[in-house]
């Protein structure tokens, strides 16, 4: 897995659905895990990344127009998350803790590919695995208990920038 560059002010990141519709009333369950394993848990809400941090010379207006052009045919879709997996990043000797997406994966992969090919004009070189990152650990045998199943309908894409304190700032939202 290739690690995106460290987020810094002005970088943009595309995400699908803020935590509230995915996690609903169980957000405390997710945040308890994130508090232990993710140093940014309090300033970046749980999300599913569609495009890893990127810099862009185009304006937010142009970015929004490009995204709207590819999302015009996209329809709201069901998303279900359950189970935890660890994904190793050998470059930094770390394991990312993923909340697995069990339904909606193919739609997310398609959106990811369209964003890279048609909006960012890049061929993505990593194997995109849709997930909700809960944090990271150095321990490959880390045991994390989370038995809940989270379901929602995804009906929008959110574009965020990274603020001065690495917080997430919503730039705009596009309804599906």
Protein backbone atom coordinates (compact mmCIF):
# COMPACT_ATOMS: atom_id res chain seq x y z
CA UNK A 1 0.00 0.00 0.00
CA UNK A 2 1.25 3.47 -0.82
CA UNK A 3 0.81 6.01 1.93
CA UNK A 4 -0.56 9.35 0.84
CA UNK A 5 1.61 12.31 1.74
CA UNK A 6 1.00 13.87 5.16
CA UNK A 7 -2.02 16.12 5.11
CA UNK A 8 -1.25 19.79 5.34
CA UNK A 9 -3.10 23.07 5.02
CA UNK A 10 -4.61 23.53 1.60
CA UNK A 11 -4.57 19.86 0.58
CA UNK A 12 -7.88 18.44 -0.56
CA UNK A 13 -9.38 15.05 0.07
CA UNK A 14 -12.57 13.59 -1.35
CA UNK A 15 -14.72 11.65 1.05
CA UNK A 16 -18.03 9.92 1.01
CA UNK A 17 -20.50 10.52 3.82
CA UNK A 18 -19.52 12.02 7.13
CA UNK A 19 -19.70 9.66 10.09
CA UNK A 20 -23.19 10.49 11.26
CA UNK A 21 -25.17 8.68 8.55
CA UNK A 22 -22.83 5.68 8.54
CA UNK A 23 -22.40 5.27 12.25
CA UNK A 24 -25.53 6.95 13.55
CA UNK A 25 -26.10 6.53 17.26
CA UNK A 26 -23.05 4.26 17.60
CA UNK A 27 -20.49 6.98 16.95
CA UNK A 28 -19.15 6.58 20.50
CA UNK A 29 -18.20 3.00 19.68
CA UNK A 30 -16.14 4.13 16.68
CA UNK A 31 -14.66 7.18 18.41
CA UNK A 32 -13.53 5.06 21.37
CA UNK A 33 -11.41 2.98 18.98
CA UNK A 34 -10.22 6.03 17.04
CA UNK A 35 -9.25 7.83 20.26
CA UNK A 36 -6.88 4.97 21.05
CA UNK A 37 -5.45 4.51 17.54
CA UNK A 38 -5.86 7.80 15.61
CA UNK A 39 -4.22 11.01 16.81
CA UNK A 40 -6.54 13.08 14.57
CA UNK A 41 -9.78 11.47 15.76
CA UNK A 42 -11.06 14.66 17.39
CA UNK A 43 -10.52 16.95 14.38
CA UNK A 44 -11.20 14.72 11.36
CA UNK A 45 -14.50 12.86 11.48
CA UNK A 46 -14.70 9.23 10.36
CA UNK A 47 -15.01 9.04 6.58
CA UNK A 48 -14.43 6.86 3.53
CA UNK A 49 -11.73 8.28 1.30
CA UNK A 50 -12.41 8.30 -2.43
CA UNK A 51 -9.33 10.33 -3.43
CA UNK A 52 -6.24 10.48 -1.29
CA UNK A 53 -4.83 13.91 -0.35
CA UNK A 54 -3.96 15.88 -3.43
CA UNK A 55 -2.90 19.36 -4.43
CA UNK A 56 -4.71 21.07 -7.24
CA UNK A 57 -4.19 24.18 -9.29
CA UNK A 58 -7.83 24.27 -10.27
CA UNK A 59 -10.34 26.34 -8.34
CA UNK A 60 -12.95 24.78 -6.08
CA UNK A 61 -15.55 25.92 -8.61
CA UNK A 62 -13.84 24.02 -11.43
CA UNK A 63 -13.26 20.98 -9.20
CA UNK A 64 -16.94 20.97 -8.25
CA UNK A 65 -17.99 21.21 -11.92
CA UNK A 66 -15.72 18.30 -12.89
CA UNK A 67 -17.07 16.16 -10.05
CA UNK A 68 -20.66 17.06 -10.91
CA UNK A 69 -20.03 15.96 -14.49
CA UNK A 70 -18.98 12.46 -13.44
CA UNK A 71 -21.52 12.17 -10.62
CA UNK A 72 -24.50 13.21 -12.73
CA UNK A 73 -25.30 9.54 -13.41
CA UNK A 74 -24.50 8.34 -9.87
CA UNK A 75 -27.40 7.29 -7.71
CA UNK A 76 -27.60 6.94 -3.92
CA UNK A 77 -26.40 3.50 -2.85
CA UNK A 78 -26.49 1.27 0.22
CA UNK A 79 -23.33 0.99 2.28
CA UNK A 80 -22.72 -1.54 5.03
CA UNK A 81 -19.64 -1.71 7.28
CA UNK A 82 -18.71 -4.57 9.60
CA UNK A 83 -15.59 -6.29 10.84
CA UNK A 84 -12.07 -5.01 11.32
CA UNK A 85 -8.95 -5.82 9.35
CA UNK A 86 -5.35 -4.72 9.55
CA UNK A 87 -3.56 -3.63 6.36
CA UNK A 88 0.22 -3.43 6.49
CA UNK A 89 2.19 -0.53 5.13
CA UNK A 90 5.69 -1.94 4.83
CA UNK A 91 7.14 1.49 4.01
CA UNK A 92 6.54 2.76 7.52
CA UNK A 93 6.21 -0.51 9.45
CA UNK A 94 2.63 0.24 10.43
CA UNK A 95 -0.70 -1.53 10.21
CA UNK A 96 -3.78 0.52 9.33
CA UNK A 97 -6.94 -0.47 11.17
CA UNK A 98 -9.85 -0.67 8.74
CA UNK A 99 -13.57 -0.93 9.38
CA UNK A 100 -14.46 -3.13 6.42
CA UNK A 101 -17.05 -2.19 3.83
CA UNK A 102 -19.16 -5.24 3.08
CA UNK A 103 -21.77 -3.66 0.79
CA UNK A 104 -21.24 -0.79 -1.65
CA UNK A 105 -17.63 -1.70 -2.38
CA UNK A 106 -17.96 -1.89 -6.16
CA UNK A 107 -19.71 1.48 -6.33
CA UNK A 108 -16.97 3.08 -4.24
CA UNK A 109 -14.26 1.54 -6.45
CA UNK A 110 -15.99 2.86 -9.56
CA UNK A 111 -16.30 6.38 -8.08
CA UNK A 112 -12.65 6.27 -6.99
CA UNK A 113 -11.51 5.31 -10.50
CA UNK A 114 -13.67 7.98 -12.15
CA UNK A 115 -12.35 10.69 -9.82
CA UNK A 116 -8.73 9.79 -10.57
CA UNK A 117 -9.17 9.31 -14.32
CA UNK A 118 -11.64 12.07 -15.16
CA UNK A 119 -11.19 14.72 -12.48
CA UNK A 120 -7.55 14.46 -11.38
CA UNK A 121 -6.33 13.13 -14.76
CA UNK A 122 -4.18 10.51 -13.02
CA UNK A 123 -3.98 6.76 -13.33
CA UNK A 124 -4.19 5.46 -9.77
CA UNK A 125 -1.36 3.02 -9.08
CA UNK A 126 -2.56 1.53 -5.82
CA UNK A 127 -5.11 -1.19 -5.24
CA UNK A 128 -7.97 0.86 -3.77
CA UNK A 129 -9.65 -0.91 -0.85
CA UNK A 130 -12.78 0.93 0.29
CA UNK A 131 -12.77 1.20 4.10
CA UNK A 132 -13.23 3.52 7.04
CA UNK A 133 -9.85 4.04 8.75
CA UNK A 134 -10.02 3.66 12.52
CA UNK A 135 -6.32 4.35 13.14
CA UNK A 136 -3.01 2.53 13.04
CA UNK A 137 -0.82 0.29 15.15
CA UNK A 138 2.67 -1.20 15.06
CA UNK A 139 1.32 -4.50 16.45
CA UNK A 140 0.24 -6.91 13.71
CA UNK A 141 -1.54 -9.02 16.33
CA UNK A 142 -3.61 -6.13 17.72
CA UNK A 143 -7.05 -7.35 18.80
CA UNK A 144 -9.86 -4.82 18.42
CA UNK A 145 -13.40 -5.80 19.29
CA UNK A 146 -16.14 -4.27 17.21
CA UNK A 147 -19.12 -6.49 16.55
CA UNK A 148 -21.57 -3.87 15.30
CA UNK A 149 -22.85 -3.61 11.74
CA UNK A 150 -23.29 -0.09 10.37
CA UNK A 151 -25.59 0.57 7.40
CA UNK A 152 -26.73 3.67 5.56
CA UNK A 153 -27.56 5.02 2.13
CA UNK A 154 -24.81 7.17 0.66
CA UNK A 155 -26.40 10.13 -1.09
CA UNK A 156 -23.57 12.65 -1.34
CA UNK A 157 -19.86 13.18 -1.87
CA UNK A 158 -18.04 15.73 0.27
CA UNK A 159 -14.84 17.56 -0.66
CA UNK A 160 -12.72 18.70 2.26
CA UNK A 161 -9.60 20.74 2.69
CA UNK A 162 -7.11 20.41 5.52
CA UNK A 163 -7.01 23.32 7.96
CA UNK A 164 -4.14 24.89 9.87
CA UNK A 165 -4.43 22.34 12.69
CA UNK A 166 -4.95 19.39 10.32
CA UNK A 167 -8.70 19.60 10.88
CA UNK A 168 -11.20 18.74 8.18
CA UNK A 169 -12.97 21.70 6.51
CA UNK A 170 -15.89 20.93 4.21
CA UNK A 171 -15.49 22.89 0.98
CA UNK A 172 -18.60 21.60 -0.76
CA UNK A 173 -20.99 18.67 -1.03
CA UNK A 174 -22.47 17.09 -4.14
CA UNK A 175 -25.73 15.16 -3.86
CA UNK A 176 -26.02 11.90 -5.78
